[in-house]
Amino acid sequence: MPSPKRLLAPLLRAPERASFDVELADGRVVPVRCVRDARSRRVKLSVDERGARLSLPLRASAAAGERFVREHRDWLGQQIDRHALDALPELVRGVTATLPLRGASCALEWREGRFTCLELDAAGDDGAPRAVFTVAARAGDAAIHRALRDFYEAQARGDVGRWLPRHVHGVPRPLRRVVFKVMSSQWGSLAPDGTMALDLSLVLARPSAFEYVLVHELCHLIRADHSRAFWDEVEARFPDWRDERDYFRSEGRRLKATLRGLLGG
């Protein structure tokens, strides 16, 4: 009799990835990432800031997947137009004039200096904040993108530090630490050891939406599930959470795409 490990091997192996092109009705040729995954139960076509993706169950053939995409190519074209995947923002040295921050645009000034760093300067005459990007003469794109990421993380940590004291009452155990990541779908998560992970693009969102995600994950220190009791905890700490959930449904994809574009994809 085969060992349990051999029987489970097809289910435990990593997803298989490939790609193919599909021609839309208007003549555009769109690359489609094809992912064959044991967790998929049906053929699914989706579009996000990274492009078109086809998820295939293990038993589905590649030909069936391509046929499914061709049958839905009109829908695919509409989704690509909707998300404007070819118009992601970029960070261009000396050219980019504004940066998104906390639901608004922040004026950006470029300077030359010994070190590459990005800092938030005092507000100008109009009261709006201004960012100053100092770039060393020999700095490459990687250094500039790293400085932008460090800037956004510093701003996000400052926000969390201001909000955290007002929401920790009644939480049975402290957070171990907070880390920021570029997440593809989630906005936050809480590990069993108390480490909270937050999506870095939250710092681009309106502050109330960012604060809601922090409260949501804090409440998982009380309830690890999404039961009615969990949502009661969220409601008690953040009564307007439904408005922020709706905000993410309408703006979330744009926020994530914007961050990826600015950080170089």
C-alpha atoms as a PDB file:
ATOM      1  CA  MET A   1       0.000   0.000   0.000  1.00  0.00           C
ATOM      2  CA  PRO A   2       1.419   3.444  -0.921  1.00  0.00           C
ATOM      3  CA  SER A   3       2.565   5.539   2.004  1.00  0.00           C
ATOM      4  CA  PRO A   4       0.400   8.494   3.147  1.00  0.00           C
ATOM      5  CA  LYS A   5       3.185  10.823   2.041  1.00  0.00           C
ATOM      6  CA  ARG A   6       3.015   9.499  -1.533  1.00  0.00           C
ATOM      7  CA  LEU A   7      -0.771   9.764  -1.580  1.00  0.00           C
ATOM      8  CA  LEU A   8      -0.662  13.370  -0.421  1.00  0.00           C
ATOM      9  CA  ALA A   9       2.211  14.438  -2.643  1.00  0.00           C
ATOM     10  CA  PRO A  10      -0.002  15.728  -5.512  1.00  0.00           C
ATOM     11  CA  LEU A  11      -1.886  17.906  -3.027  1.00  0.00           C
ATOM     12  CA  LEU A  12       1.191  19.273  -1.280  1.00  0.00           C
ATOM     13  CA  ARG A  13       3.306  20.196  -4.265  1.00  0.00           C
ATOM     14  CA  ALA A  14       3.762  23.840  -5.211  1.00  0.00           C
ATOM     15  CA  PRO A  15       1.434  25.377  -7.815  1.00  0.00           C
ATOM     16  CA  GLU A  16       2.576  24.920 -11.414  1.00  0.00           C
ATOM     17  CA  ARG A  17       2.839  28.170 -13.374  1.00  0.00           C
ATOM     18  CA  ALA A  18       2.899  28.841 -17.104  1.00  0.00           C
ATOM     19  CA  SER A  19       1.593  31.521 -19.433  1.00  0.00           C
ATOM     20  CA  PHE A  20      -0.017  31.948 -22.842  1.00  0.00           C
ATOM     21  CA  ASP A  21      -1.302  34.813 -24.979  1.00  0.00           C
ATOM     22  CA  VAL A  22      -4.905  35.452 -25.962  1.00  0.00           C
ATOM     23  CA  GLU A  23      -6.042  37.859 -28.682  1.00  0.00           C
ATOM     24  CA  LEU A  24      -8.957  40.118 -27.743  1.00  0.00           C
ATOM     25  CA  ALA A  25     -11.703  41.183 -30.128  1.00  0.00           C
ATOM     26  CA  ASP A  26      -9.999  44.555 -30.725  1.00  0.00           C
ATOM     27  CA  GLY A  27      -6.724  42.887 -31.729  1.00  0.00           C
ATOM     28  CA  ARG A  28      -4.833  43.390 -28.483  1.00  0.00           C
ATOM     29  CA  VAL A  29      -2.751  40.429 -27.356  1.00  0.00           C
ATOM     30  CA  VAL A  30      -2.920  39.857 -23.595  1.00  0.00           C
ATOM     31  CA  PRO A  31      -0.599  37.519 -21.650  1.00  0.00           C
ATOM     32  CA  VAL A  32      -2.424  35.243 -19.205  1.00  0.00           C
ATOM     33  CA  ARG A  33      -0.638  33.630 -16.265  1.00  0.00           C
ATOM     34  CA  CYS A  34      -1.857  30.065 -15.840  1.00  0.00           C
ATOM     35  CA  VAL A  35      -1.570  28.563 -12.347  1.00  0.00           C
ATOM     36  CA  ARG A  36      -2.396  24.911 -11.757  1.00  0.00           C
ATOM     37  CA  ASP A  37      -3.056  24.504  -8.049  1.00  0.00           C
ATOM     38  CA  ALA A  38      -4.385  21.644  -5.919  1.00  0.00           C
ATOM     39  CA  ARG A  39      -6.480  24.144  -3.982  1.00  0.00           C
ATOM     40  CA  SER A  40      -8.464  25.202  -7.071  1.00  0.00           C
ATOM     41  CA  ARG A  41     -11.844  23.548  -7.411  1.00  0.00           C
ATOM     42  CA  ARG A  42     -12.933  25.188 -10.657  1.00  0.00           C
ATOM     43  CA  VAL A  43     -11.544  27.127 -13.589  1.00  0.00           C
ATOM     44  CA  LYS A  44     -11.310  30.795 -12.620  1.00  0.00           C
ATOM     45  CA  LEU A  45     -10.216  33.843 -14.609  1.00  0.00           C
ATOM     46  CA  SER A  46      -9.276  37.014 -12.718  1.00  0.00           C
ATOM     47  CA  VAL A  47      -7.554  40.340 -13.316  1.00  0.00           C
ATOM     48  CA  ASP A  48      -5.545  42.336 -10.802  1.00  0.00           C
ATOM     49  CA  GLU A  49      -2.758  44.912 -10.837  1.00  0.00           C
ATOM     50  CA  ARG A  50      -0.307  42.233 -12.028  1.00  0.00           C
ATOM     51  CA  GLY A  51      -2.362  41.198 -15.045  1.00  0.00           C
ATOM     52  CA  ALA A  52      -4.669  38.338 -16.058  1.00  0.00           C
ATOM     53  CA  ARG A  53      -4.553  35.035 -14.161  1.00  0.00           C
ATOM     54  CA  LEU A  54      -6.172  31.684 -14.897  1.00  0.00           C
ATOM     55  CA  SER A  55      -6.499  29.221 -12.007  1.00  0.00           C
ATOM     56  CA  LEU A  56      -6.853  25.569 -13.026  1.00  0.00           C
ATOM     57  CA  PRO A  57      -7.710  22.503 -10.923  1.00  0.00           C
ATOM     58  CA  LEU A  58      -5.203  19.665 -11.227  1.00  0.00           C
ATOM     59  CA  ARG A  59      -7.477  17.590 -13.438  1.00  0.00           C
ATOM     60  CA  ALA A  60      -8.333  20.358 -15.912  1.00  0.00           C
ATOM     61  CA  SER A  61      -6.400  20.340 -19.175  1.00  0.00           C
ATOM     62  CA  ALA A  62      -4.430  23.294 -20.465  1.00  0.00           C
ATOM     63  CA  ALA A  63      -6.520  23.245 -23.645  1.00  0.00           C
ATOM     64  CA  ALA A  64      -9.716  23.546 -21.592  1.00  0.00           C
ATOM     65  CA  GLY A  65      -8.232  26.504 -19.741  1.00  0.00           C
ATOM     66  CA  GLU A  66      -7.284  28.325 -22.931  1.00  0.00           C
ATOM     67  CA  ARG A  67     -10.716  27.639 -24.393  1.00  0.00           C
ATOM     68  CA  PHE A  68     -12.321  29.104 -21.245  1.00  0.00           C
ATOM     69  CA  VAL A  69     -10.273  32.292 -21.617  1.00  0.00           C
ATOM     70  CA  ARG A  70     -11.176  32.673 -25.295  1.00  0.00           C
ATOM     71  CA  GLU A  71     -14.864  32.261 -24.473  1.00  0.00           C
ATOM     72  CA  HIS A  72     -14.580  35.066 -21.904  1.00  0.00           C
ATOM     73  CA  ARG A  73     -12.260  37.381 -23.821  1.00  0.00           C
ATOM     74  CA  ASP A  74     -14.842  40.204 -23.955  1.00  0.00           C
ATOM     75  CA  TRP A  75     -15.061  40.167 -20.159  1.00  0.00           C
ATOM     76  CA  LEU A  76     -11.272  40.014 -19.959  1.00  0.00           C
ATOM     77  CA  GLY A  77     -10.916  43.107 -22.143  1.00  0.00           C
ATOM     78  CA  GLN A  78     -13.426  45.020 -20.012  1.00  0.00           C
ATOM     79  CA  GLN A  79     -11.584  44.162 -16.814  1.00  0.00           C
ATOM     80  CA  ILE A  80      -8.216  45.189 -18.244  1.00  0.00           C
ATOM     81  CA  ASP A  81      -9.665  48.533 -19.345  1.00  0.00           C
ATOM     82  CA  ARG A  82     -11.295  49.014 -15.968  1.00  0.00           C
ATOM     83  CA  HIS A  83      -8.122  48.473 -13.989  1.00  0.00           C
ATOM     84  CA  ALA A  84      -5.890  50.363 -16.463  1.00  0.00           C
ATOM     85  CA  LEU A  85      -3.088  47.895 -15.990  1.00  0.00           C
ATOM     86  CA  ASP A  86      -0.873  49.720 -18.487  1.00  0.00           C
ATOM     87  CA  ALA A  87      -1.085  53.055 -16.626  1.00  0.00           C
ATOM     88  CA  LEU A  88       0.484  52.295 -13.266  1.00  0.00           C
ATOM     89  CA  PRO A  89       2.316  55.226 -11.647  1.00  0.00           C
ATOM     90  CA  GLU A  90       6.094  55.249 -11.732  1.00  0.00           C
ATOM     91  CA  LEU A  91       8.763  56.930  -9.640  1.00  0.00           C
ATOM     92  CA  VAL A  92      11.008  58.806 -12.075  1.00  0.00           C
ATOM     93  CA  ARG A  93      14.052  60.576 -10.709  1.00  0.00           C
ATOM     94  CA  GLY A  94      13.740  64.336 -11.009  1.00  0.00           C
ATOM     95  CA  VAL A  95      10.376  64.062 -12.792  1.00  0.00           C
ATOM     96  CA  THR A  96       7.743  62.702 -10.408  1.00  0.00           C
ATOM     97  CA  ALA A  97       6.176  65.779  -8.770  1.00  0.00           C
ATOM     98  CA  THR A  98       3.772  64.245  -6.242  1.00  0.00           C
ATOM     99  CA  LEU A  99       3.497  61.158  -4.074  1.00  0.00           C
ATOM    100  CA  PRO A 100       0.306  59.592  -2.707  1.00  0.00           C
ATOM    101  CA  LEU A 101       0.160  59.647   1.087  1.00  0.00           C
ATOM    102  CA  ARG A 102      -2.751  59.217   3.531  1.00  0.00           C
ATOM    103  CA  GLY A 103      -5.470  59.588   0.914  1.00  0.00           C
ATOM    104  CA  ALA A 104      -4.001  62.732  -0.660  1.00  0.00           C
ATOM    105  CA  SER A 105      -1.157  63.901  -2.896  1.00  0.00           C
ATOM    106  CA  CYS A 106       2.036  65.147  -1.327  1.00  0.00           C
ATOM    107  CA  ALA A 107       4.243  67.575  -3.273  1.00  0.00           C
ATOM    108  CA  LEU A 108       7.670  66.118  -4.039  1.00  0.00           C
ATOM    109  CA  GLU A 109      10.917  68.076  -4.398  1.00  0.00           C
ATOM    110  CA  TRP A 110      14.118  66.517  -5.725  1.00  0.00           C
ATOM    111  CA  ARG A 111      17.591  67.462  -4.493  1.00  0.00           C
ATOM    112  CA  GLU A 112      21.120  66.165  -4.887  1.00  0.00           C
ATOM    113  CA  GLY A 113      23.114  65.136  -1.826  1.00  0.00           C
ATOM    114  CA  ARG A 114      25.631  62.728  -0.365  1.00  0.00           C
ATOM    115  CA  PHE A 115      23.026  60.184   0.724  1.00  0.00           C
ATOM    116  CA  THR A 116      19.788  58.922  -0.804  1.00  0.00           C
ATOM    117  CA  CYS A 117      16.794  59.441   1.464  1.00  0.00           C
ATOM    118  CA  LEU A 118      13.222  60.702   1.415  1.00  0.00           C
ATOM    119  CA  GLU A 119      11.869  62.852   4.227  1.00  0.00           C
ATOM    120  CA  LEU A 120       8.679  64.737   5.000  1.00  0.00           C
ATOM    121  CA  ASP A 121       9.474  68.431   5.235  1.00  0.00           C
ATOM    122  CA  ALA A 122       7.562  71.161   7.063  1.00  0.00           C
ATOM    123  CA  ALA A 123       4.288  72.201   5.454  1.00  0.00           C
ATOM    124  CA  GLY A 124       4.451  74.970   2.894  1.00  0.00           C
ATOM    125  CA  ASP A 125       2.508  78.213   2.776  1.00  0.00           C
ATOM    126  CA  ASP A 126      -0.675  76.340   1.855  1.00  0.00           C
ATOM    127  CA  GLY A 127      -0.374  74.087   4.926  1.00  0.00           C
ATOM    128  CA  ALA A 128       0.091  70.933   2.830  1.00  0.00           C
ATOM    129  CA  PRO A 129       3.012  68.610   3.622  1.00  0.00           C
ATOM    130  CA  ARG A 130       5.953  68.388   1.241  1.00  0.00           C
ATOM    131  CA  ALA A 131       8.354  65.513   0.690  1.00  0.00           C
ATOM    132  CA  VAL A 132      12.007  66.073  -0.174  1.00  0.00           C
ATOM    133  CA  PHE A 133      13.848  63.324  -2.046  1.00  0.00           C
ATOM    134  CA  THR A 134      17.613  63.687  -1.697  1.00  0.00           C
ATOM    135  CA  VAL A 135      19.472  61.486  -4.167  1.00  0.00           C
ATOM    136  CA  ALA A 136      23.189  60.744  -4.359  1.00  0.00           C
ATOM    137  CA  ALA A 137      24.717  61.300  -7.775  1.00  0.00           C
ATOM    138  CA  ARG A 138      25.576  57.616  -8.293  1.00  0.00           C
ATOM    139  CA  ALA A 139      22.343  56.194  -6.835  1.00  0.00           C
ATOM    140  CA  GLY A 140      20.510  53.757  -9.092  1.00  0.00           C
ATOM    141  CA  ASP A 141      16.818  52.910  -9.369  1.00  0.00           C
ATOM    142  CA  ALA A 142      17.091  50.203  -6.714  1.00  0.00           C
ATOM    143  CA  ALA A 143      18.409  52.695  -4.144  1.00  0.00           C
ATOM    144  CA  ILE A 144      15.670  55.199  -4.983  1.00  0.00           C
ATOM    145  CA  HIS A 145      12.919  52.594  -4.692  1.00  0.00           C
ATOM    146  CA  ARG A 146      14.397  51.359  -1.407  1.00  0.00           C
ATOM    147  CA  ALA A 147      14.380  54.895  -0.021  1.00  0.00           C
ATOM    148  CA  LEU A 148      10.729  55.303  -1.015  1.00  0.00           C
ATOM    149  CA  ARG A 149       9.785  52.058   0.680  1.00  0.00           C
ATOM    150  CA  ASP A 150      11.675  53.071   3.837  1.00  0.00           C
ATOM    151  CA  PHE A 151       9.850  56.416   3.801  1.00  0.00           C
ATOM    152  CA  TYR A 152       6.425  54.825   3.490  1.00  0.00           C
ATOM    153  CA  GLU A 153       7.194  52.321   6.249  1.00  0.00           C
ATOM    154  CA  ALA A 154       8.378  55.078   8.588  1.00  0.00           C
ATOM    155  CA  GLN A 155       5.181  57.037   7.967  1.00  0.00           C
ATOM    156  CA  ALA A 156       3.055  53.923   8.513  1.00  0.00           C
ATOM    157  CA  ARG A 157       4.831  53.099  11.777  1.00  0.00           C
ATOM    158  CA  GLY A 158       4.223  56.625  12.987  1.00  0.00           C
ATOM    159  CA  ASP A 159       0.492  56.248  12.307  1.00  0.00           C
ATOM    160  CA  VAL A 160       0.313  52.893  14.097  1.00  0.00           C
ATOM    161  CA  GLY A 161       2.183  54.369  17.065  1.00  0.00           C
ATOM    162  CA  ARG A 162      -0.397  57.148  17.389  1.00  0.00           C
ATOM    163  CA  TRP A 163      -3.448  54.923  17.041  1.00  0.00           C
ATOM    164  CA  LEU A 164      -2.419  51.872  19.029  1.00  0.00           C
ATOM    165  CA  PRO A 165      -2.831  53.314  22.572  1.00  0.00           C
ATOM    166  CA  ARG A 166      -6.481  54.172  21.997  1.00  0.00           C
ATOM    167  CA  HIS A 167      -7.429  50.609  20.960  1.00  0.00           C
ATOM    168  CA  VAL A 168      -5.462  48.235  23.203  1.00  0.00           C
ATOM    169  CA  HIS A 169      -7.825  48.339  26.170  1.00  0.00           C
ATOM    170  CA  GLY A 170      -9.259  44.905  26.902  1.00  0.00           C
ATOM    171  CA  VAL A 171      -6.772  43.114  24.658  1.00  0.00           C
ATOM    172  CA  PRO A 172      -5.615  40.015  26.601  1.00  0.00           C
ATOM    173  CA  ARG A 173      -2.028  39.954  25.338  1.00  0.00           C
ATOM    174  CA  PRO A 174       0.329  42.451  23.725  1.00  0.00           C
ATOM    175  CA  LEU A 175       1.437  42.517  20.131  1.00  0.00           C
ATOM    176  CA  ARG A 176       4.849  40.928  19.624  1.00  0.00           C
ATOM    177  CA  ARG A 177       5.726  43.233  16.753  1.00  0.00           C
ATOM    178  CA  VAL A 178       4.314  44.923  13.647  1.00  0.00           C
ATOM    179  CA  VAL A 179       5.789  44.264  10.205  1.00  0.00           C
ATOM    180  CA  PHE A 180       4.908  45.840   6.875  1.00  0.00           C
ATOM    181  CA  LYS A 181       4.731  43.858   3.648  1.00  0.00           C
ATOM    182  CA  VAL A 182       3.571  44.328   0.083  1.00  0.00           C
ATOM    183  CA  MET A 183       0.562  41.998   0.054  1.00  0.00           C
ATOM    184  CA  SER A 184      -1.266  40.840  -3.065  1.00  0.00           C
ATOM    185  CA  SER A 185      -4.754  40.460  -1.573  1.00  0.00           C
ATOM    186  CA  GLN A 186      -4.802  40.800   2.210  1.00  0.00           C
ATOM    187  CA  TRP A 187      -4.650  44.054   4.157  1.00  0.00           C
ATOM    188  CA  GLY A 188      -3.384  42.492   7.350  1.00  0.00           C
ATOM    189  CA  SER A 189      -2.880  39.285   9.286  1.00  0.00           C
ATOM    190  CA  LEU A 190      -2.061  38.171  12.819  1.00  0.00           C
ATOM    191  CA  ALA A 191       0.311  35.258  13.439  1.00  0.00           C
ATOM    192  CA  PRO A 192      -0.149  32.905  16.430  1.00  0.00           C
ATOM    193  CA  ASP A 193       2.909  34.433  18.100  1.00  0.00           C
ATOM    194  CA  GLY A 194       1.287  37.883  18.112  1.00  0.00           C
ATOM    195  CA  THR A 195       3.132  39.317  15.104  1.00  0.00           C
ATOM    196  CA  MET A 196       0.896  41.631  13.091  1.00  0.00           C
ATOM    197  CA  ALA A 197       1.583  42.023   9.366  1.00  0.00           C
ATOM    198  CA  LEU A 198       0.094  45.029   7.578  1.00  0.00           C
ATOM    199  CA  ASP A 199       0.019  45.852   3.889  1.00  0.00           C
ATOM    200  CA  LEU A 200       2.338  48.775   3.171  1.00  0.00           C
ATOM    201  CA  SER A 201      -0.159  50.303   0.739  1.00  0.00           C
ATOM    202  CA  LEU A 202      -2.370  51.148   3.733  1.00  0.00           C
ATOM    203  CA  VAL A 203      -0.286  54.301   4.176  1.00  0.00           C
ATOM    204  CA  LEU A 204      -1.622  55.480   0.805  1.00  0.00           C
ATOM    205  CA  ALA A 205      -5.233  55.044   1.940  1.00  0.00           C
ATOM    206  CA  ARG A 206      -7.292  57.511   3.904  1.00  0.00           C
ATOM    207  CA  PRO A 207      -6.202  57.337   7.557  1.00  0.00           C
ATOM    208  CA  SER A 208      -9.541  56.069   8.868  1.00  0.00           C
ATOM    209  CA  ALA A 209      -9.299  53.026   6.576  1.00  0.00           C
ATOM    210  CA  PHE A 210      -5.759  52.262   7.765  1.00  0.00           C
ATOM    211  CA  GLU A 211      -6.854  52.606  11.383  1.00  0.00           C
ATOM    212  CA  TYR A 212      -9.749  50.211  10.800  1.00  0.00           C
ATOM    213  CA  VAL A 213      -7.379  47.482   9.567  1.00  0.00           C
ATOM    214  CA  LEU A 214      -5.239  47.959  12.670  1.00  0.00           C
ATOM    215  CA  VAL A 215      -8.318  47.604  14.892  1.00  0.00           C
ATOM    216  CA  HIS A 216      -9.481  44.548  12.927  1.00  0.00           C
ATOM    217  CA  GLU A 217      -6.200  42.726  13.474  1.00  0.00           C
ATOM    218  CA  LEU A 218      -6.012  43.785  17.146  1.00  0.00           C
ATOM    219  CA  CYS A 219      -9.414  42.229  17.715  1.00  0.00           C
ATOM    220  CA  HIS A 220      -7.980  38.906  16.554  1.00  0.00           C
ATOM    221  CA  LEU A 221      -5.974  38.906  19.777  1.00  0.00           C
ATOM    222  CA  ILE A 222      -9.366  38.532  21.466  1.00  0.00           C
ATOM    223  CA  ARG A 223     -11.138  36.360  18.884  1.00  0.00           C
ATOM    224  CA  ALA A 224      -9.145  34.350  16.356  1.00  0.00           C
ATOM    225  CA  ASP A 225     -12.153  33.846  14.077  1.00  0.00           C
ATOM    226  CA  HIS A 226     -14.668  36.071  12.287  1.00  0.00           C
ATOM    227  CA  SER A 227     -17.598  35.151  14.489  1.00  0.00           C
ATOM    228  CA  ARG A 228     -20.358  37.495  15.607  1.00  0.00           C
ATOM    229  CA  ALA A 229     -18.423  38.015  18.846  1.00  0.00           C
ATOM    230  CA  PHE A 230     -15.393  39.143  16.845  1.00  0.00           C
ATOM    231  CA  TRP A 231     -17.386  41.724  14.886  1.00  0.00           C
ATOM    232  CA  ASP A 232     -18.928  42.962  18.141  1.00  0.00           C
ATOM    233  CA  GLU A 233     -15.390  43.697  19.346  1.00  0.00           C
ATOM    234  CA  VAL A 234     -14.627  45.572  16.118  1.00  0.00           C
ATOM    235  CA  GLU A 235     -17.886  47.504  16.395  1.00  0.00           C
ATOM    236  CA  ALA A 236     -17.149  48.568  19.968  1.00  0.00           C
ATOM    237  CA  ARG A 237     -13.735  49.979  18.999  1.00  0.00           C
ATOM    238  CA  PHE A 238     -14.505  51.260  15.513  1.00  0.00           C
ATOM    239  CA  PRO A 239     -18.245  51.854  14.874  1.00  0.00           C
ATOM    240  CA  ASP A 240     -17.702  53.083  11.297  1.00  0.00           C
ATOM    241  CA  TRP A 241     -15.877  49.949  10.128  1.00  0.00           C
ATOM    242  CA  ARG A 242     -18.475  49.244   7.422  1.00  0.00           C
ATOM    243  CA  ASP A 243     -17.667  52.515   5.658  1.00  0.00           C
ATOM    244  CA  GLU A 244     -13.997  51.560   5.567  1.00  0.00           C
ATOM    245  CA  ARG A 245     -14.777  48.080   4.280  1.00  0.00           C
ATOM    246  CA  ASP A 246     -16.745  49.672   1.432  1.00  0.00           C
ATOM    247  CA  TYR A 247     -13.831  52.032   0.785  1.00  0.00           C
ATOM    248  CA  PHE A 248     -11.458  49.111   0.314  1.00  0.00           C
ATOM    249  CA  ARG A 249     -13.905  47.401  -2.022  1.00  0.00           C
ATOM    250  CA  SER A 250     -13.916  50.426  -4.315  1.00  0.00           C
ATOM    251  CA  GLU A 251     -10.352  51.724  -3.874  1.00  0.00           C
ATOM    252  CA  GLY A 252      -8.337  48.743  -2.659  1.00  0.00           C
ATOM    253  CA  ARG A 253      -7.163  47.457  -6.014  1.00  0.00           C
ATOM    254  CA  ARG A 254      -6.029  50.933  -7.050  1.00  0.00           C
ATOM    255  CA  LEU A 255      -4.087  51.420  -3.810  1.00  0.00           C
ATOM    256  CA  LYS A 256      -2.190  48.155  -4.200  1.00  0.00           C
ATOM    257  CA  ALA A 257      -1.461  48.812  -7.883  1.00  0.00           C
ATOM    258  CA  THR A 258      -0.216  52.317  -7.091  1.00  0.00           C
ATOM    259  CA  LEU A 259       2.268  51.073  -4.505  1.00  0.00           C
ATOM    260  CA  ARG A 260       3.580  48.336  -6.789  1.00  0.00           C
ATOM    261  CA  GLY A 261       4.035  50.828  -9.594  1.00  0.00           C
ATOM    262  CA  LEU A 262       5.929  53.301  -7.424  1.00  0.00           C
ATOM    263  CA  LEU A 263       8.184  50.583  -6.006  1.00  0.00           C
ATOM    264  CA  GLY A 264       9.080  49.366  -9.469  1.00  0.00           C
ATOM    265  CA  GLY A 265       6.560  46.556  -9.806  1.00  0.00           C
END
